[in-house]
Amino acid sequence: MGIRVGFIKPSECRMAGLMIALLRILRLKDALQATVTSTEFKELKVFASIAHALLQEELWQYLFVMCRALYAPMRLLRLADQKIPAMDKLYFFVLLCPSN
């Protein structure tokens, strides 16, 4: 019998939890594709629709573009959600942005 492996559930009380979960899925692309193409997984005959979706390159391209576009706002939300004061860092990042 195998070991149950699952993804970390995004925290609903912290900011940008879903975004972090999407980044984690993107990072695990190779492992997920190797899992769904393995002989053992195919013999189970479960999750066929999910396995098919994980093998589509369009899904990974869309996920990459979405994660890249939302990375900066996610970092900002995580900065504001820390237990330590971080508004000085936020102010520093705002000053780094060019103003037109």
C-alpha atoms as a PDB file:
ATOM      1  CA  MET A   1       0.000   0.000   0.000  1.00  0.00           C
ATOM      2  CA  GLY A   2       1.322   3.427  -0.935  1.00  0.00           C
ATOM      3  CA  ILE A   3       1.628   6.625   1.005  1.00  0.00           C
ATOM      4  CA  ARG A   4      -1.084   9.224   0.487  1.00  0.00           C
ATOM      5  CA  VAL A   5       0.365  12.425  -0.943  1.00  0.00           C
ATOM      6  CA  GLY A   6      -1.745  15.548  -1.219  1.00  0.00           C
ATOM      7  CA  PHE A   7      -1.268  19.200  -1.910  1.00  0.00           C
ATOM      8  CA  ILE A   8      -1.110  21.652   0.926  1.00  0.00           C
ATOM      9  CA  LYS A   9      -4.509  23.224   1.362  1.00  0.00           C
ATOM     10  CA  PRO A  10      -4.379  26.992   0.886  1.00  0.00           C
ATOM     11  CA  SER A  11      -4.952  28.913   4.071  1.00  0.00           C
ATOM     12  CA  GLU A  12      -8.156  30.894   3.970  1.00  0.00           C
ATOM     13  CA  CYS A  13      -7.155  33.167   6.839  1.00  0.00           C
ATOM     14  CA  ARG A  14      -3.932  34.331   5.170  1.00  0.00           C
ATOM     15  CA  MET A  15      -3.652  36.563   2.133  1.00  0.00           C
ATOM     16  CA  ALA A  16      -2.684  35.077  -1.248  1.00  0.00           C
ATOM     17  CA  GLY A  17      -3.018  31.465  -0.092  1.00  0.00           C
ATOM     18  CA  LEU A  18      -4.570  30.347  -3.369  1.00  0.00           C
ATOM     19  CA  MET A  19      -1.841  32.067  -5.349  1.00  0.00           C
ATOM     20  CA  ILE A  20       0.821  30.232  -3.375  1.00  0.00           C
ATOM     21  CA  ALA A  21      -0.987  26.944  -4.045  1.00  0.00           C
ATOM     22  CA  LEU A  22      -0.975  27.695  -7.802  1.00  0.00           C
ATOM     23  CA  LEU A  23       2.739  28.495  -7.689  1.00  0.00           C
ATOM     24  CA  ARG A  24       3.332  25.184  -5.933  1.00  0.00           C
ATOM     25  CA  ILE A  25       1.390  23.288  -8.605  1.00  0.00           C
ATOM     26  CA  LEU A  26       3.427  25.026 -11.293  1.00  0.00           C
ATOM     27  CA  ARG A  27       6.635  24.072  -9.521  1.00  0.00           C
ATOM     28  CA  LEU A  28       5.498  20.426  -9.368  1.00  0.00           C
ATOM     29  CA  LYS A  29       4.666  20.209 -13.100  1.00  0.00           C
ATOM     30  CA  ASP A  30       7.267  17.553 -13.924  1.00  0.00           C
ATOM     31  CA  ALA A  31       6.386  15.396 -10.923  1.00  0.00           C
ATOM     32  CA  LEU A  32       2.654  15.580 -11.669  1.00  0.00           C
ATOM     33  CA  GLN A  33       3.123  14.664 -15.317  1.00  0.00           C
ATOM     34  CA  ALA A  34       5.431  11.786 -14.388  1.00  0.00           C
ATOM     35  CA  THR A  35       2.828  10.517 -11.931  1.00  0.00           C
ATOM     36  CA  VAL A  36      -0.110  10.525 -14.344  1.00  0.00           C
ATOM     37  CA  THR A  37       1.928   8.863 -17.102  1.00  0.00           C
ATOM     38  CA  SER A  38       3.222   6.064 -14.862  1.00  0.00           C
ATOM     39  CA  THR A  39       1.976   2.526 -15.457  1.00  0.00           C
ATOM     40  CA  GLU A  40       0.796   2.175 -11.858  1.00  0.00           C
ATOM     41  CA  PHE A  41      -1.371   5.286 -12.091  1.00  0.00           C
ATOM     42  CA  LYS A  42      -2.897   4.197 -15.407  1.00  0.00           C
ATOM     43  CA  GLU A  43      -3.785   0.793 -13.935  1.00  0.00           C
ATOM     44  CA  LEU A  44      -5.834   2.499 -11.211  1.00  0.00           C
ATOM     45  CA  LYS A  45      -8.200   3.932 -13.866  1.00  0.00           C
ATOM     46  CA  VAL A  46      -9.175   6.894 -11.695  1.00  0.00           C
ATOM     47  CA  PHE A  47      -8.921  10.640 -12.208  1.00  0.00           C
ATOM     48  CA  ALA A  48      -8.704  10.238 -15.995  1.00  0.00           C
ATOM     49  CA  SER A  49     -10.022  13.745 -16.679  1.00  0.00           C
ATOM     50  CA  ILE A  50      -7.522  15.328 -14.296  1.00  0.00           C
ATOM     51  CA  ALA A  51      -4.688  13.273 -15.782  1.00  0.00           C
ATOM     52  CA  HIS A  52      -5.692  14.387 -19.271  1.00  0.00           C
ATOM     53  CA  ALA A  53      -5.747  18.040 -18.174  1.00  0.00           C
ATOM     54  CA  LEU A  54      -2.312  17.783 -16.544  1.00  0.00           C
ATOM     55  CA  LEU A  55      -0.824  16.586 -19.822  1.00  0.00           C
ATOM     56  CA  GLN A  56      -2.103  19.594 -21.805  1.00  0.00           C
ATOM     57  CA  GLU A  57       0.632  22.161 -22.409  1.00  0.00           C
ATOM     58  CA  GLU A  58      -1.972  24.958 -22.685  1.00  0.00           C
ATOM     59  CA  LEU A  59      -2.878  24.484 -19.014  1.00  0.00           C
ATOM     60  CA  TRP A  60       0.726  24.961 -17.925  1.00  0.00           C
ATOM     61  CA  GLN A  61       1.228  27.964 -20.211  1.00  0.00           C
ATOM     62  CA  TYR A  62      -1.922  29.622 -18.848  1.00  0.00           C
ATOM     63  CA  LEU A  63      -0.869  28.865 -15.277  1.00  0.00           C
ATOM     64  CA  PHE A  64       2.615  30.299 -15.882  1.00  0.00           C
ATOM     65  CA  VAL A  65       1.264  33.525 -17.409  1.00  0.00           C
ATOM     66  CA  MET A  66      -1.258  33.948 -14.599  1.00  0.00           C
ATOM     67  CA  CYS A  67       1.340  33.321 -11.877  1.00  0.00           C
ATOM     68  CA  ARG A  68       3.803  35.710 -13.483  1.00  0.00           C
ATOM     69  CA  ALA A  69       1.200  38.465 -13.774  1.00  0.00           C
ATOM     70  CA  LEU A  70       0.005  38.071 -10.181  1.00  0.00           C
ATOM     71  CA  TYR A  71       3.374  37.541  -8.484  1.00  0.00           C
ATOM     72  CA  ALA A  72       3.980  41.189  -7.546  1.00  0.00           C
ATOM     73  CA  PRO A  73       0.511  41.733  -6.003  1.00  0.00           C
ATOM     74  CA  MET A  74       0.883  38.431  -4.155  1.00  0.00           C
ATOM     75  CA  ARG A  75       4.209  39.563  -2.673  1.00  0.00           C
ATOM     76  CA  LEU A  76       2.557  42.826  -1.605  1.00  0.00           C
ATOM     77  CA  LEU A  77      -0.304  40.971   0.104  1.00  0.00           C
ATOM     78  CA  ARG A  78       2.100  38.620   1.863  1.00  0.00           C
ATOM     79  CA  LEU A  79       4.186  41.579   3.007  1.00  0.00           C
ATOM     80  CA  ALA A  80       1.129  43.200   4.567  1.00  0.00           C
ATOM     81  CA  ASP A  81       0.075  39.892   6.147  1.00  0.00           C
ATOM     82  CA  GLN A  82       3.261  39.293   8.149  1.00  0.00           C
ATOM     83  CA  LYS A  83       3.289  39.175  11.921  1.00  0.00           C
ATOM     84  CA  ILE A  84       6.159  41.656  12.029  1.00  0.00           C
ATOM     85  CA  PRO A  85       5.846  45.303  10.968  1.00  0.00           C
ATOM     86  CA  ALA A  86       6.609  45.670   7.274  1.00  0.00           C
ATOM     87  CA  MET A  87       5.129  48.963   6.136  1.00  0.00           C
ATOM     88  CA  ASP A  88       8.614  50.461   5.851  1.00  0.00           C
ATOM     89  CA  LYS A  89       9.451  47.777   3.273  1.00  0.00           C
ATOM     90  CA  LEU A  90       6.248  48.579   1.436  1.00  0.00           C
ATOM     91  CA  TYR A  91       7.146  52.262   1.425  1.00  0.00           C
ATOM     92  CA  PHE A  92      10.622  51.394   0.101  1.00  0.00           C
ATOM     93  CA  PHE A  93       9.118  49.325  -2.748  1.00  0.00           C
ATOM     94  CA  VAL A  94       6.755  52.173  -3.628  1.00  0.00           C
ATOM     95  CA  LEU A  95       9.696  54.568  -3.856  1.00  0.00           C
ATOM     96  CA  LEU A  96      11.450  52.149  -6.235  1.00  0.00           C
ATOM     97  CA  CYS A  97       8.555  52.328  -8.693  1.00  0.00           C
ATOM     98  CA  PRO A  98       8.967  54.913 -11.427  1.00  0.00           C
ATOM     99  CA  SER A  99       6.389  57.685 -11.307  1.00  0.00           C
ATOM    100  CA  ASN A 100       5.154  59.112 -14.578  1.00  0.00           C
END
